[in-house]
Protein backbone atom coordinates (compact mmCIF):
# COMPACT_ATOMS: atom_id res chain seq x y z
CA MET A 1 40.59 -194.04 -17.72
CA LEU A 2 42.37 -191.27 -20.27
CA ALA A 3 39.81 -189.53 -22.09
CA SER A 4 40.44 -187.40 -25.31
CA SER A 5 41.60 -184.06 -24.31
CA THR A 6 42.24 -180.58 -25.58
CA LEU A 7 45.18 -179.43 -23.35
CA PHE A 8 47.26 -181.91 -25.77
CA LYS A 9 47.28 -180.54 -29.36
CA PRO A 10 49.05 -181.87 -31.96
CA CYS A 11 52.51 -181.81 -31.40
CA ASN A 12 53.69 -181.06 -34.85
CA ARG A 13 57.33 -180.96 -33.04
CA MET A 14 57.39 -184.56 -33.10
CA LEU A 15 56.63 -185.24 -36.40
CA TYR A 16 59.66 -184.87 -38.51
CA GLY A 17 61.94 -186.67 -40.62
CA TYR A 18 65.38 -187.74 -39.80
CA ARG A 19 67.04 -185.10 -42.34
CA GLU A 20 65.67 -182.77 -40.22
CA LEU A 21 67.51 -183.36 -36.85
CA ARG A 22 70.75 -182.47 -38.95
CA GLY A 23 71.45 -178.76 -36.46
CA ALA A 24 68.16 -179.34 -34.48
CA LEU A 25 68.11 -178.64 -30.77
CA VAL A 26 66.21 -181.81 -29.61
CA LEU A 27 63.89 -181.88 -26.53
CA LEU A 28 63.47 -185.51 -24.62
CA PRO A 29 60.93 -185.79 -22.31
CA LEU A 30 61.36 -187.98 -19.33
CA GLY A 31 59.03 -189.45 -17.16
CA SER A 32 57.99 -192.90 -15.33
CA PHE A 33 55.05 -195.21 -14.88
CA GLU A 34 53.86 -194.81 -11.65
CA ASP A 35 50.56 -195.54 -9.25
CA HIS A 36 49.22 -191.98 -8.26
CA GLU A 37 46.38 -193.38 -6.40
CA ASP A 38 43.58 -192.68 -8.31
CA LEU A 39 45.83 -190.83 -11.22
CA PRO A 40 47.27 -192.22 -14.47
CA MET A 41 50.45 -194.07 -13.97
CA VAL A 42 51.61 -191.97 -17.29
CA LEU A 43 51.05 -188.93 -15.71
CA ASP A 44 55.09 -187.78 -15.11
CA THR A 45 55.28 -188.75 -18.62
CA LEU A 46 52.74 -186.74 -20.11
CA LEU A 47 53.55 -184.32 -18.24
CA ALA A 48 56.64 -183.45 -19.81
CA THR A 49 56.14 -184.44 -22.91
CA GLU A 50 53.56 -181.76 -23.04
CA THR A 51 55.79 -179.27 -21.48
CA ALA A 52 58.15 -180.45 -24.01
CA CYS A 53 55.92 -179.93 -26.96
CA ARG A 54 54.80 -176.47 -25.73
CA ALA A 55 58.75 -175.60 -24.79
CA ALA A 56 59.45 -176.62 -28.36
CA GLU A 57 56.99 -174.18 -30.08
CA LYS A 58 58.79 -171.26 -28.20
CA CYS A 59 62.46 -171.95 -29.42
CA ALA A 60 61.99 -173.94 -32.86
CA ALA A 61 62.92 -177.44 -30.97
CA LEU A 62 62.05 -180.95 -31.96
CA VAL A 63 60.67 -183.30 -29.61
CA ALA A 64 61.77 -186.64 -29.67
CA TRP A 65 59.55 -189.31 -28.28
CA PRO A 66 59.17 -189.99 -24.60
CA LEU A 67 60.95 -191.69 -22.12
CA GLY A 68 58.38 -193.11 -20.03
CA TYR A 69 59.69 -195.24 -17.32
CA GLY A 70 62.18 -194.15 -14.73
CA PHE A 71 63.60 -194.83 -11.18
CA SER A 72 60.41 -194.82 -8.69
CA PRO A 73 61.21 -197.50 -5.65
CA MET A 74 59.30 -195.37 -3.52
CA HIS A 75 55.67 -196.06 -5.51
CA LYS A 76 54.24 -199.85 -4.72
CA TYR A 77 52.90 -200.39 -8.29
CA SER A 78 55.19 -198.86 -10.77
CA VAL A 79 57.54 -200.59 -13.80
CA SER A 80 60.54 -198.86 -12.01
CA LEU A 81 64.17 -198.98 -13.24
CA ASP A 82 66.76 -199.07 -11.44
CA GLU A 83 68.92 -194.83 -11.61
CA ASP A 84 71.66 -196.21 -13.07
CA GLU A 85 69.76 -198.12 -15.89
CA VAL A 86 67.45 -194.38 -15.97
CA ALA A 87 71.13 -192.55 -16.70
CA ARG A 88 72.30 -194.98 -19.15
CA LEU A 89 69.34 -194.95 -21.26
CA VAL A 90 69.03 -190.95 -21.14
CA LEU A 91 72.85 -191.26 -22.18
CA GLY A 92 72.23 -193.92 -25.02
CA ILE A 93 69.04 -191.87 -26.48
CA THR A 94 70.92 -188.37 -26.29
CA SER A 95 73.77 -189.76 -27.72
CA SER A 96 71.83 -191.43 -30.41
CA LEU A 97 70.14 -188.13 -31.46
CA TYR A 98 74.11 -186.44 -31.86
CA SER A 99 75.33 -189.26 -33.81
CA ILE A 100 72.25 -188.92 -36.12
CA GLY A 101 72.73 -185.22 -36.18
CA ALA A 102 71.02 -183.35 -33.45
CA SER A 103 73.29 -180.04 -32.56
CA ARG A 104 71.79 -180.23 -28.46
CA VAL A 105 69.62 -181.94 -26.74
CA ILE A 106 67.93 -180.79 -23.62
CA VAL A 107 66.17 -183.32 -20.80
CA ILE A 108 62.79 -182.41 -19.96
CA ASP A 109 61.81 -184.43 -16.69
CA GLY A 110 58.33 -184.64 -15.67
CA HIS A 111 59.52 -186.79 -12.75
CA TYR A 112 61.81 -186.35 -9.30
CA GLY A 113 62.39 -189.64 -8.17
CA HIS A 114 65.67 -190.15 -10.93
CA ARG A 115 66.60 -186.33 -11.14
CA GLU A 116 69.76 -186.96 -9.16
CA ALA A 117 71.29 -189.28 -11.23
CA VAL A 118 70.36 -187.69 -14.42
CA MET A 119 71.89 -184.75 -13.90
CA ARG A 120 74.91 -186.58 -12.68
CA ALA A 121 75.11 -188.70 -16.02
CA THR A 122 74.17 -185.09 -18.23
CA ALA A 123 76.26 -182.62 -16.46
CA PRO A 124 79.82 -183.75 -17.69
CA ARG A 125 78.68 -184.27 -20.85
CA GLY A 126 77.13 -180.89 -21.54
CA ILE A 127 73.36 -182.20 -21.99
CA SER A 128 71.06 -179.84 -20.57
CA TYR A 129 68.74 -180.96 -17.99
CA VAL A 130 65.28 -179.38 -16.32
CA ASN A 131 63.29 -181.36 -13.94
CA VAL A 132 59.62 -179.48 -14.71
CA TRP A 133 58.95 -180.23 -10.56
CA ASP A 134 61.49 -177.86 -10.06
CA VAL A 135 60.19 -174.73 -12.42
CA LEU A 136 56.68 -175.58 -11.23
CA SER A 137 58.62 -174.91 -7.98
CA LYS A 138 60.09 -171.56 -8.96
CA LEU A 139 56.67 -170.51 -10.04
CA GLY A 140 54.85 -170.87 -6.39
CA LEU A 141 54.02 -174.55 -6.45
CA ASN A 142 56.64 -175.54 -4.00
CA SER A 143 55.26 -177.87 -1.10
CA PHE A 144 53.78 -181.15 -1.01
CA ASP A 145 50.33 -180.53 -1.30
CA LYS A 146 49.91 -177.46 -3.89
CA GLN A 147 52.06 -180.04 -6.25
CA ILE A 148 49.57 -182.83 -5.27
CA GLY A 149 46.86 -180.35 -6.33
CA PHE A 150 48.83 -179.25 -9.48
CA GLU A 151 48.63 -183.33 -10.31
CA ARG A 152 44.80 -183.88 -9.56
CA GLU A 153 44.59 -180.74 -11.80
CA LEU A 154 46.59 -182.16 -14.54
CA ALA A 155 45.06 -185.45 -14.77
CA LYS A 156 41.23 -183.80 -14.10
CA CYS A 157 42.28 -181.68 -17.62
CA PHE A 158 42.87 -184.95 -19.49
CA ASN A 159 40.16 -186.78 -18.06
CA GLU A 160 37.25 -184.71 -18.08
CA ASN A 161 38.62 -181.63 -20.29
CA LYS A 162 38.51 -179.49 -17.19
CA CYS A 163 41.48 -177.16 -17.38
CA ASN A 164 41.11 -174.22 -15.10
CA ASN A 165 44.31 -172.36 -15.29
CA THR A 166 46.41 -175.76 -15.96
CA SER A 167 47.19 -174.87 -19.54
CA LEU A 168 48.17 -171.36 -18.36
CA ILE A 169 50.25 -173.13 -15.53
CA LEU A 170 52.39 -175.19 -18.69
CA ASP A 171 52.73 -172.44 -20.71
CA SER A 172 54.81 -170.56 -17.83
CA VAL A 173 56.88 -173.44 -17.65
CA ALA A 174 57.14 -173.58 -21.21
CA LYS A 175 58.23 -170.11 -21.79
CA LYS A 176 60.56 -170.41 -18.49
CA ILE A 177 62.62 -173.24 -19.99
CA ALA A 178 62.48 -171.56 -23.72
CA GLU A 179 64.28 -168.76 -21.97
CA GLU A 180 66.44 -170.90 -19.50
CA LYS A 181 67.55 -173.35 -21.44
CA CYS A 182 66.91 -172.70 -25.13
CA LEU A 183 68.70 -169.99 -25.58
CA GLY A 184 72.25 -170.71 -24.93
CA GLY A 185 73.21 -173.30 -22.95
CA SER A 186 76.13 -176.07 -23.90
CA ARG A 187 77.12 -178.42 -26.45
């Protein structure tokens, strides 16, 4: 069970009225709901949401409510959509955000399983996409063992408030996203 944690500070960038969306850069967290052995099923969604909240502070963006379901057929216990459904949901949400007045949307993905499908859907439409695991890999968490270790540390931070360097790593990821995606980009 997830306990309260100091890792998740209040994400004020998620608290806004529709008028604030006009002309805004919006970050859309995308995750999954899947088994991670003894870790929380929502871990990828929490990772995407926490990263989006931290990046939003660095680039004056708003954060949309997370999409917490994805493509996870490799997990025995998951609520899994097919790749096309995930891509359609992302496109539907981004289209709606644009119709309300968002100037740009960046999808912040905390799950690797639907990466290719979402990239294929968003790229031709000028929607920016970043996978948190790609950024973590660039920061040195570039092996399966290191990534599993990070997931365990992240869960320990959520469950036991033992954050070690997890918060610093997430700050580095958010900074990299802000530098590479928030400044400039398409649409």
